[in-house]
Amino acid sequence: MKSDMAKLLIAVLLDILDFTLGRILGAGTIMDIVFAGIAFVLWGPIGLLALWEALEPSDQIDGFVPTMTLIALSQMGKKRRARLDAA
């Protein structure tokens, strides 16, 4: 459970960085690709969904969608459902 909360905290921090520093044209795309790599390390293949942000060329819209946080919450919910089903 603690590792899930740590991953959620990392996700929130990365989304805040994306929202603030991601406004810089060009740097935002590089950040999106790096963040997708981090998401892959944290959550496996589902983390590659974060690559959708790199497809948005203006780097303005994707900062308003907390992709990393949404992935973290979905994975936490998935684990919780699995625990409840096993009980």
PDB file of N, CA and C in Angstrom:
ATOM      1  N   MET A   1       0.820  -1.199   0.000  1.00  0.00           N
ATOM      2  CA  MET A   1       0.000   0.000   0.000  1.00  0.00           C
ATOM      3  C   MET A   1       0.866   1.268   0.000  1.00  0.00           C
ATOM      4  N   LYS A   2       1.970   1.221   0.768  1.00  0.00           N
ATOM      5  CA  LYS A   2       2.841   2.396   0.816  1.00  0.00           C
ATOM      6  C   LYS A   2       3.469   2.666  -0.546  1.00  0.00           C
ATOM      7  N   SER A   3       3.808   1.598  -1.258  1.00  0.00           N
ATOM      8  CA  SER A   3       4.417   1.803  -2.577  1.00  0.00           C
ATOM      9  C   SER A   3       3.413   2.429  -3.540  1.00  0.00           C
ATOM     10  N   ASP A   4       2.125   2.071  -3.410  1.00  0.00           N
ATOM     11  CA  ASP A   4       1.096   2.690  -4.244  1.00  0.00           C
ATOM     12  C   ASP A   4       0.980   4.181  -3.960  1.00  0.00           C
ATOM     13  N   MET A   5       1.052   4.545  -2.696  1.00  0.00           N
ATOM     14  CA  MET A   5       0.960   5.960  -2.328  1.00  0.00           C
ATOM     15  C   MET A   5       2.202   6.719  -2.810  1.00  0.00           C
ATOM     16  N   ALA A   6       3.355   6.078  -2.747  1.00  0.00           N
ATOM     17  CA  ALA A   6       4.585   6.712  -3.235  1.00  0.00           C
ATOM     18  C   ALA A   6       4.494   6.934  -4.746  1.00  0.00           C
ATOM     19  N   LYS A   7       3.960   5.933  -5.461  1.00  0.00           N
ATOM     20  CA  LYS A   7       3.793   6.070  -6.911  1.00  0.00           C
ATOM     21  C   LYS A   7       2.795   7.171  -7.238  1.00  0.00           C
ATOM     22  N   LEU A   8       1.735   7.272  -6.440  1.00  0.00           N
ATOM     23  CA  LEU A   8       0.749   8.337  -6.651  1.00  0.00           C
ATOM     24  C   LEU A   8       1.389   9.704  -6.417  1.00  0.00           C
ATOM     25  N   LEU A   9       2.197   9.831  -5.383  1.00  0.00           N
ATOM     26  CA  LEU A   9       2.880  11.097  -5.103  1.00  0.00           C
ATOM     27  C   LEU A   9       3.822  11.466  -6.250  1.00  0.00           C
ATOM     28  N   ILE A  10       4.571  10.498  -6.760  1.00  0.00           N
ATOM     29  CA  ILE A  10       5.453  10.748  -7.903  1.00  0.00           C
ATOM     30  C   ILE A  10       4.635  11.210  -9.103  1.00  0.00           C
ATOM     31  N   ALA A  11       3.502  10.541  -9.340  1.00  0.00           N
ATOM     32  CA  ALA A  11       2.641  10.888 -10.477  1.00  0.00           C
ATOM     33  C   ALA A  11       2.121  12.316 -10.362  1.00  0.00           C
ATOM     34  N   VAL A  12       1.687  12.692  -9.177  1.00  0.00           N
ATOM     35  CA  VAL A  12       1.163  14.047  -8.969  1.00  0.00           C
ATOM     36  C   VAL A  12       2.268  15.077  -9.198  1.00  0.00           C
ATOM     37  N   LEU A  13       3.452  14.811  -8.669  1.00  0.00           N
ATOM     38  CA  LEU A  13       4.570  15.738  -8.866  1.00  0.00           C
ATOM     39  C   LEU A  13       4.936  15.875 -10.344  1.00  0.00           C
ATOM     40  N   LEU A  14       4.937  14.763 -11.072  1.00  0.00           N
ATOM     41  CA  LEU A  14       5.248  14.829 -12.499  1.00  0.00           C
ATOM     42  C   LEU A  14       4.171  15.594 -13.268  1.00  0.00           C
ATOM     43  N   ASP A  15       2.913  15.427 -12.869  1.00  0.00           N
ATOM     44  CA  ASP A  15       1.838  16.179 -13.523  1.00  0.00           C
ATOM     45  C   ASP A  15       1.945  17.670 -13.230  1.00  0.00           C
ATOM     46  N   ILE A  16       2.367  18.017 -12.027  1.00  0.00           N
ATOM     47  CA  ILE A  16       2.568  19.438 -11.702  1.00  0.00           C
ATOM     48  C   ILE A  16       3.711  20.011 -12.543  1.00  0.00           C
ATOM     49  N   LEU A  17       4.786  19.245 -12.671  1.00  0.00           N
ATOM     50  CA  LEU A  17       5.896  19.689 -13.530  1.00  0.00           C
ATOM     51  C   LEU A  17       5.433  19.851 -14.976  1.00  0.00           C
ATOM     52  N   ASP A  18       4.622  18.918 -15.446  1.00  0.00           N
ATOM     53  CA  ASP A  18       4.117  18.991 -16.815  1.00  0.00           C
ATOM     54  C   ASP A  18       3.235  20.224 -16.992  1.00  0.00           C
ATOM     55  N   PHE A  19       2.437  20.519 -15.989  1.00  0.00           N
ATOM     56  CA  PHE A  19       1.536  21.672 -16.063  1.00  0.00           C
ATOM     57  C   PHE A  19       2.311  22.987 -16.072  1.00  0.00           C
ATOM     58  N   THR A  20       3.411  23.044 -15.327  1.00  0.00           N
ATOM     59  CA  THR A  20       4.159  24.298 -15.220  1.00  0.00           C
ATOM     60  C   THR A  20       5.273  24.396 -16.271  1.00  0.00           C
ATOM     61  N   LEU A  21       6.230  23.490 -16.228  1.00  0.00           N
ATOM     62  CA  LEU A  21       7.373  23.552 -17.140  1.00  0.00           C
ATOM     63  C   LEU A  21       7.025  23.062 -18.540  1.00  0.00           C
ATOM     64  N   GLY A  22       5.950  22.312 -18.665  1.00  0.00           N
ATOM     65  CA  GLY A  22       5.546  21.787 -19.958  1.00  0.00           C
ATOM     66  C   GLY A  22       5.018  22.838 -20.910  1.00  0.00           C
ATOM     67  N   ARG A  23       4.855  24.050 -20.441  1.00  0.00           N
ATOM     68  CA  ARG A  23       4.394  25.151 -21.299  1.00  0.00           C
ATOM     69  C   ARG A  23       5.471  25.593 -22.273  1.00  0.00           C
ATOM     70  N   ILE A  24       6.718  25.256 -21.983  1.00  0.00           N
ATOM     71  CA  ILE A  24       7.829  25.661 -22.843  1.00  0.00           C
ATOM     72  C   ILE A  24       7.787  24.809 -24.106  1.00  0.00           C
ATOM     73  N   LEU A  25       7.583  25.458 -25.229  1.00  0.00           N
ATOM     74  CA  LEU A  25       7.442  24.757 -26.503  1.00  0.00           C
ATOM     75  C   LEU A  25       8.697  23.944 -26.817  1.00  0.00           C
ATOM     76  N   GLY A  26       8.533  22.703 -27.145  1.00  0.00           N
ATOM     77  CA  GLY A  26       9.654  21.810 -27.430  1.00  0.00           C
ATOM     78  C   GLY A  26      10.106  21.048 -26.205  1.00  0.00           C
ATOM     79  N   ALA A  27      10.348  21.744 -25.114  1.00  0.00           N
ATOM     80  CA  ALA A  27      10.754  21.083 -23.874  1.00  0.00           C
ATOM     81  C   ALA A  27       9.618  20.209 -23.350  1.00  0.00           C
ATOM     82  N   GLY A  28       8.393  20.636 -23.585  1.00  0.00           N
ATOM     83  CA  GLY A  28       7.239  19.862 -23.128  1.00  0.00           C
ATOM     84  C   GLY A  28       7.173  18.502 -23.790  1.00  0.00           C
ATOM     85  N   THR A  29       7.485  18.444 -25.064  1.00  0.00           N
ATOM     86  CA  THR A  29       7.462  17.164 -25.783  1.00  0.00           C
ATOM     87  C   THR A  29       8.546  16.225 -25.259  1.00  0.00           C
ATOM     88  N   ILE A  30       9.722  16.767 -25.000  1.00  0.00           N
ATOM     89  CA  ILE A  30      10.807  15.958 -24.438  1.00  0.00           C
ATOM     90  C   ILE A  30      10.414  15.448 -23.065  1.00  0.00           C
ATOM     91  N   MET A  31       9.832  16.320 -22.253  1.00  0.00           N
ATOM     92  CA  MET A  31       9.369  15.913 -20.926  1.00  0.00           C
ATOM     93  C   MET A  31       8.318  14.815 -21.031  1.00  0.00           C
ATOM     94  N   ASP A  32       7.399  14.941 -21.977  1.00  0.00           N
ATOM     95  CA  ASP A  32       6.349  13.937 -22.141  1.00  0.00           C
ATOM     96  C   ASP A  32       6.935  12.564 -22.451  1.00  0.00           C
ATOM     97  N   ILE A  33       7.954  12.519 -23.272  1.00  0.00           N
ATOM     98  CA  ILE A  33       8.588  11.242 -23.622  1.00  0.00           C
ATOM     99  C   ILE A  33       9.330  10.663 -22.411  1.00  0.00           C
ATOM    100  N   VAL A  34      10.038  11.523 -21.683  1.00  0.00           N
ATOM    101  CA  VAL A  34      10.744  11.069 -20.476  1.00  0.00           C
ATOM    102  C   VAL A  34       9.740  10.587 -19.429  1.00  0.00           C
ATOM    103  N   PHE A  35       8.660  11.329 -19.255  1.00  0.00           N
ATOM    104  CA  PHE A  35       7.641  10.944 -18.271  1.00  0.00           C
ATOM    105  C   PHE A  35       6.977   9.624 -18.647  1.00  0.00           C
ATOM    106  N   ALA A  36       6.805   9.367 -19.944  1.00  0.00           N
ATOM    107  CA  ALA A  36       6.238   8.084 -20.379  1.00  0.00           C
ATOM    108  C   ALA A  36       7.187   6.942 -20.003  1.00  0.00           C
ATOM    109  N   GLY A  37       8.482   7.181 -20.108  1.00  0.00           N
ATOM    110  CA  GLY A  37       9.463   6.178 -19.674  1.00  0.00           C
ATOM    111  C   GLY A  37       9.372   5.914 -18.185  1.00  0.00           C
ATOM    112  N   ILE A  38       9.208   6.980 -17.411  1.00  0.00           N
ATOM    113  CA  ILE A  38       9.047   6.833 -15.960  1.00  0.00           C
ATOM    114  C   ILE A  38       7.760   6.066 -15.656  1.00  0.00           C
ATOM    115  N   ALA A  39       6.685   6.388 -16.375  1.00  0.00           N
ATOM    116  CA  ALA A  39       5.407   5.692 -16.179  1.00  0.00           C
ATOM    117  C   ALA A  39       5.553   4.209 -16.494  1.00  0.00           C
ATOM    118  N   PHE A  40       6.316   3.881 -17.527  1.00  0.00           N
ATOM    119  CA  PHE A  40       6.546   2.476 -17.877  1.00  0.00           C
ATOM    120  C   PHE A  40       7.274   1.760 -16.741  1.00  0.00           C
ATOM    121  N   VAL A  41       8.258   2.417 -16.144  1.00  0.00           N
ATOM    122  CA  VAL A  41       9.001   1.816 -15.031  1.00  0.00           C
ATOM    123  C   VAL A  41       8.079   1.628 -13.822  1.00  0.00           C
ATOM    124  N   LEU A  42       7.213   2.607 -13.570  1.00  0.00           N
ATOM    125  CA  LEU A  42       6.332   2.529 -12.403  1.00  0.00           C
ATOM    126  C   LEU A  42       5.195   1.517 -12.567  1.00  0.00           C
ATOM    127  N   TRP A  43       4.569   1.480 -13.748  1.00  0.00           N
ATOM    128  CA  TRP A  43       3.347   0.691 -13.912  1.00  0.00           C
ATOM    129  C   TRP A  43       3.386  -0.337 -15.024  1.00  0.00           C
ATOM    130  N   GLY A  44       4.493  -0.478 -15.710  1.00  0.00           N
ATOM    131  CA  GLY A  44       4.566  -1.447 -16.795  1.00  0.00           C
ATOM    132  C   GLY A  44       3.970  -0.882 -18.078  1.00  0.00           C
ATOM    133  N   PRO A  45       3.574  -1.763 -18.994  1.00  0.00           N
ATOM    134  CA  PRO A  45       3.104  -1.330 -20.317  1.00  0.00           C
ATOM    135  C   PRO A  45       1.948  -0.323 -20.289  1.00  0.00           C
ATOM    136  N   ILE A  46       1.104  -0.382 -19.284  1.00  0.00           N
ATOM    137  CA  ILE A  46      -0.019   0.572 -19.211  1.00  0.00           C
ATOM    138  C   ILE A  46       0.509   2.003 -19.090  1.00  0.00           C
ATOM    139  N   GLY A  47       1.709   2.167 -18.558  1.00  0.00           N
ATOM    140  CA  GLY A  47       2.316   3.490 -18.429  1.00  0.00           C
ATOM    141  C   GLY A  47       2.604   4.155 -19.761  1.00  0.00           C
ATOM    142  N   LEU A  48       2.702   3.349 -20.814  1.00  0.00           N
ATOM    143  CA  LEU A  48       2.965   3.914 -22.143  1.00  0.00           C
ATOM    144  C   LEU A  48       1.781   4.728 -22.664  1.00  0.00           C
ATOM    145  N   LEU A  49       0.636   4.632 -22.009  1.00  0.00           N
ATOM    146  CA  LEU A  49      -0.489   5.497 -22.378  1.00  0.00           C
ATOM    147  C   LEU A  49      -0.124   6.970 -22.240  1.00  0.00           C
ATOM    148  N   ALA A  50       0.858   7.250 -21.406  1.00  0.00           N
ATOM    149  CA  ALA A  50       1.297   8.636 -21.214  1.00  0.00           C
ATOM    150  C   ALA A  50       1.915   9.220 -22.480  1.00  0.00           C
ATOM    151  N   LEU A  51       2.257   8.375 -23.439  1.00  0.00           N
ATOM    152  CA  LEU A  51       2.843   8.875 -24.688  1.00  0.00           C
ATOM    153  C   LEU A  51       1.858   9.698 -25.514  1.00  0.00           C
ATOM    154  N   TRP A  52       0.560   9.599 -25.212  1.00  0.00           N
ATOM    155  CA  TRP A  52      -0.406  10.398 -25.978  1.00  0.00           C
ATOM    156  C   TRP A  52      -0.072  11.884 -25.859  1.00  0.00           C
ATOM    157  N   GLU A  53       0.519  12.282 -24.733  1.00  0.00           N
ATOM    158  CA  GLU A  53       0.844  13.694 -24.530  1.00  0.00           C
ATOM    159  C   GLU A  53       1.894  14.183 -25.528  1.00  0.00           C
ATOM    160  N   ALA A  54       2.793  13.295 -25.949  1.00  0.00           N
ATOM    161  CA  ALA A  54       3.829  13.685 -26.908  1.00  0.00           C
ATOM    162  C   ALA A  54       3.238  13.923 -28.294  1.00  0.00           C
ATOM    163  N   LEU A  55       2.044  13.401 -28.550  1.00  0.00           N
ATOM    164  CA  LEU A  55       1.406  13.568 -29.857  1.00  0.00           C
ATOM    165  C   LEU A  55       0.772  14.945 -30.028  1.00  0.00           C
ATOM    166  N   GLU A  56       0.593  15.655 -28.935  1.00  0.00           N
ATOM    167  CA  GLU A  56      -0.040  16.975 -28.971  1.00  0.00           C
ATOM    168  C   GLU A  56       1.064  18.012 -29.191  1.00  0.00           C
ATOM    169  N   PRO A  57       1.175  18.566 -30.388  1.00  0.00           N
ATOM    170  CA  PRO A  57       2.341  19.377 -30.750  1.00  0.00           C
ATOM    171  C   PRO A  57       2.448  20.745 -30.072  1.00  0.00           C
ATOM    172  N   SER A  58       1.374  21.314 -29.604  1.00  0.00           N
ATOM    173  CA  SER A  58       1.464  22.660 -29.025  1.00  0.00           C
ATOM    174  C   SER A  58       1.954  22.644 -27.582  1.00  0.00           C
ATOM    175  N   ASP A  59       1.942  21.494 -26.929  1.00  0.00           N
ATOM    176  CA  ASP A  59       2.338  21.358 -25.514  1.00  0.00           C
ATOM    177  C   ASP A  59       1.482  22.217 -24.586  1.00  0.00           C
ATOM    178  N   GLN A  60       0.323  22.623 -25.018  1.00  0.00           N
ATOM    179  CA  GLN A  60      -0.531  23.463 -24.188  1.00  0.00           C
ATOM    180  C   GLN A  60      -1.715  22.689 -23.622  1.00  0.00           C
ATOM    181  N   ILE A  61      -2.308  21.835 -24.410  1.00  0.00           N
ATOM    182  CA  ILE A  61      -3.524  21.131 -23.986  1.00  0.00           C
ATOM    183  C   ILE A  61      -3.214  19.999 -23.016  1.00  0.00           C
ATOM    184  N   ASP A  62      -2.168  19.216 -23.309  1.00  0.00           N
ATOM    185  CA  ASP A  62      -1.916  18.013 -22.506  1.00  0.00           C
ATOM    186  C   ASP A  62      -1.555  18.322 -21.058  1.00  0.00           C
ATOM    187  N   GLY A  63      -1.092  19.524 -20.765  1.00  0.00           N
ATOM    188  CA  GLY A  63      -0.764  19.884 -19.387  1.00  0.00           C
ATOM    189  C   GLY A  63      -1.973  19.953 -18.480  1.00  0.00           C
ATOM    190  N   PHE A  64      -3.157  20.098 -19.069  1.00  0.00           N
ATOM    191  CA  PHE A  64      -4.380  20.201 -18.272  1.00  0.00           C
ATOM    192  C   PHE A  64      -5.001  18.848 -17.971  1.00  0.00           C
ATOM    193  N   VAL A  65      -4.424  17.785 -18.532  1.00  0.00           N
ATOM    194  CA  VAL A  65      -4.905  16.426 -18.259  1.00  0.00           C
ATOM    195  C   VAL A  65      -3.858  15.733 -17.397  1.00  0.00           C
ATOM    196  N   PRO A  66      -4.198  15.406 -16.147  1.00  0.00           N
ATOM    197  CA  PRO A  66      -3.214  14.775 -15.254  1.00  0.00           C
ATOM    198  C   PRO A  66      -3.039  13.287 -15.576  1.00  0.00           C
ATOM    199  N   THR A  67      -2.423  13.008 -16.705  1.00  0.00           N
ATOM    200  CA  THR A  67      -2.310  11.638 -17.206  1.00  0.00           C
ATOM    201  C   THR A  67      -1.641  10.703 -16.206  1.00  0.00           C
ATOM    202  N   MET A  68      -0.525  11.117 -15.651  1.00  0.00           N
ATOM    203  CA  MET A  68       0.208  10.249 -14.715  1.00  0.00           C
ATOM    204  C   MET A  68      -0.642   9.939 -13.485  1.00  0.00           C
ATOM    205  N   THR A  69      -1.330  10.940 -12.967  1.00  0.00           N
ATOM    206  CA  THR A  69      -2.179  10.735 -11.800  1.00  0.00           C
ATOM    207  C   THR A  69      -3.333   9.796 -12.133  1.00  0.00           C
ATOM    208  N   LEU A  70      -3.923   9.965 -13.312  1.00  0.00           N
ATOM    209  CA  LEU A  70      -5.022   9.084 -13.716  1.00  0.00           C
ATOM    210  C   LEU A  70      -4.553   7.641 -13.861  1.00  0.00           C
ATOM    211  N   ILE A  71      -3.367   7.443 -14.407  1.00  0.00           N
ATOM    212  CA  ILE A  71      -2.822   6.083 -14.514  1.00  0.00           C
ATOM    213  C   ILE A  71      -2.593   5.503 -13.125  1.00  0.00           C
ATOM    214  N   ALA A  72      -2.008   6.299 -12.230  1.00  0.00           N
ATOM    215  CA  ALA A  72      -1.745   5.834 -10.862  1.00  0.00           C
ATOM    216  C   ALA A  72      -3.042   5.437 -10.164  1.00  0.00           C
ATOM    217  N   LEU A  73      -4.057   6.280 -10.258  1.00  0.00           N
ATOM    218  CA  LEU A  73      -5.328   5.974  -9.601  1.00  0.00           C
ATOM    219  C   LEU A  73      -5.993   4.745 -10.204  1.00  0.00           C
ATOM    220  N   SER A  74      -5.893   4.591 -11.522  1.00  0.00           N
ATOM    221  CA  SER A  74      -6.509   3.413 -12.149  1.00  0.00           C
ATOM    222  C   SER A  74      -5.812   2.125 -11.690  1.00  0.00           C
ATOM    223  N   GLN A  75      -4.501   2.180 -11.559  1.00  0.00           N
ATOM    224  CA  GLN A  75      -3.774   0.990 -11.117  1.00  0.00           C
ATOM    225  C   GLN A  75      -4.025   0.686  -9.645  1.00  0.00           C
ATOM    226  N   MET A  76      -4.182   1.730  -8.828  1.00  0.00           N
ATOM    227  CA  MET A  76      -4.524   1.517  -7.422  1.00  0.00           C
ATOM    228  C   MET A  76      -5.908   0.887  -7.308  1.00  0.00           C
ATOM    229  N   GLY A  77      -6.854   1.366  -8.113  1.00  0.00           N
ATOM    230  CA  GLY A  77      -8.201   0.798  -8.095  1.00  0.00           C
ATOM    231  C   GLY A  77      -8.211  -0.638  -8.571  1.00  0.00           C
ATOM    232  N   LYS A  78      -7.393  -0.933  -9.563  1.00  0.00           N
ATOM    233  CA  LYS A  78      -7.305  -2.298 -10.087  1.00  0.00           C
ATOM    234  C   LYS A  78      -6.789  -3.251  -9.012  1.00  0.00           C
ATOM    235  N   LYS A  79      -5.754  -2.836  -8.288  1.00  0.00           N
ATOM    236  CA  LYS A  79      -5.209  -3.670  -7.207  1.00  0.00           C
ATOM    237  C   LYS A  79      -6.225  -3.837  -6.088  1.00  0.00           C
ATOM    238  N   ARG A  80      -6.948  -2.776  -5.780  1.00  0.00           N
ATOM    239  CA  ARG A  80      -7.943  -2.839  -4.705  1.00  0.00           C
ATOM    240  C   ARG A  80      -9.062  -3.810  -5.073  1.00  0.00           C
ATOM    241  N   ARG A  81      -9.530  -3.733  -6.321  1.00  0.00           N
ATOM    242  CA  ARG A  81     -10.576  -4.661  -6.769  1.00  0.00           C
ATOM    243  C   ARG A  81     -10.089  -6.099  -6.703  1.00  0.00           C
ATOM    244  N   ALA A  82      -8.839  -6.326  -7.091  1.00  0.00           N
ATOM    245  CA  ALA A  82      -8.278  -7.683  -7.046  1.00  0.00           C
ATOM    246  C   ALA A  82      -8.220  -8.202  -5.621  1.00  0.00           C
ATOM    247  N   ARG A  83      -7.859  -7.347  -4.675  1.00  0.00           N
ATOM    248  CA  ARG A  83      -7.820  -7.751  -3.265  1.00  0.00           C
ATOM    249  C   ARG A  83      -9.215  -8.065  -2.753  1.00  0.00           C
ATOM    250  N   LEU A  84     -10.192  -7.236  -3.122  1.00  0.00           N
ATOM    251  CA  LEU A  84     -11.563  -7.474  -2.667  1.00  0.00           C
ATOM    252  C   LEU A  84     -12.146  -8.753  -3.280  1.00  0.00           C
ATOM    253  N   ASP A  85     -11.824  -9.030  -4.529  1.00  0.00           N
ATOM    254  CA  ASP A  85     -12.308 -10.247  -5.177  1.00  0.00           C
ATOM    255  C   ASP A  85     -11.678 -11.489  -4.573  1.00  0.00           C
ATOM    256  N   ALA A  86     -10.441 -11.364  -4.118  1.00  0.00           N
ATOM    257  CA  ALA A  86      -9.741 -12.508  -3.523  1.00  0.00           C
ATOM    258  C   ALA A  86     -10.229 -12.816  -2.111  1.00  0.00           C
ATOM    259  N   ALA A  87     -10.800 -11.819  -1.470  1.00  0.00           N
ATOM    260  CA  ALA A  87     -11.236 -12.002  -0.074  1.00  0.00           C
ATOM    261  C   ALA A  87     -12.561 -12.719   0.036  1.00  0.00           C
TER     262      ALA A  87
END
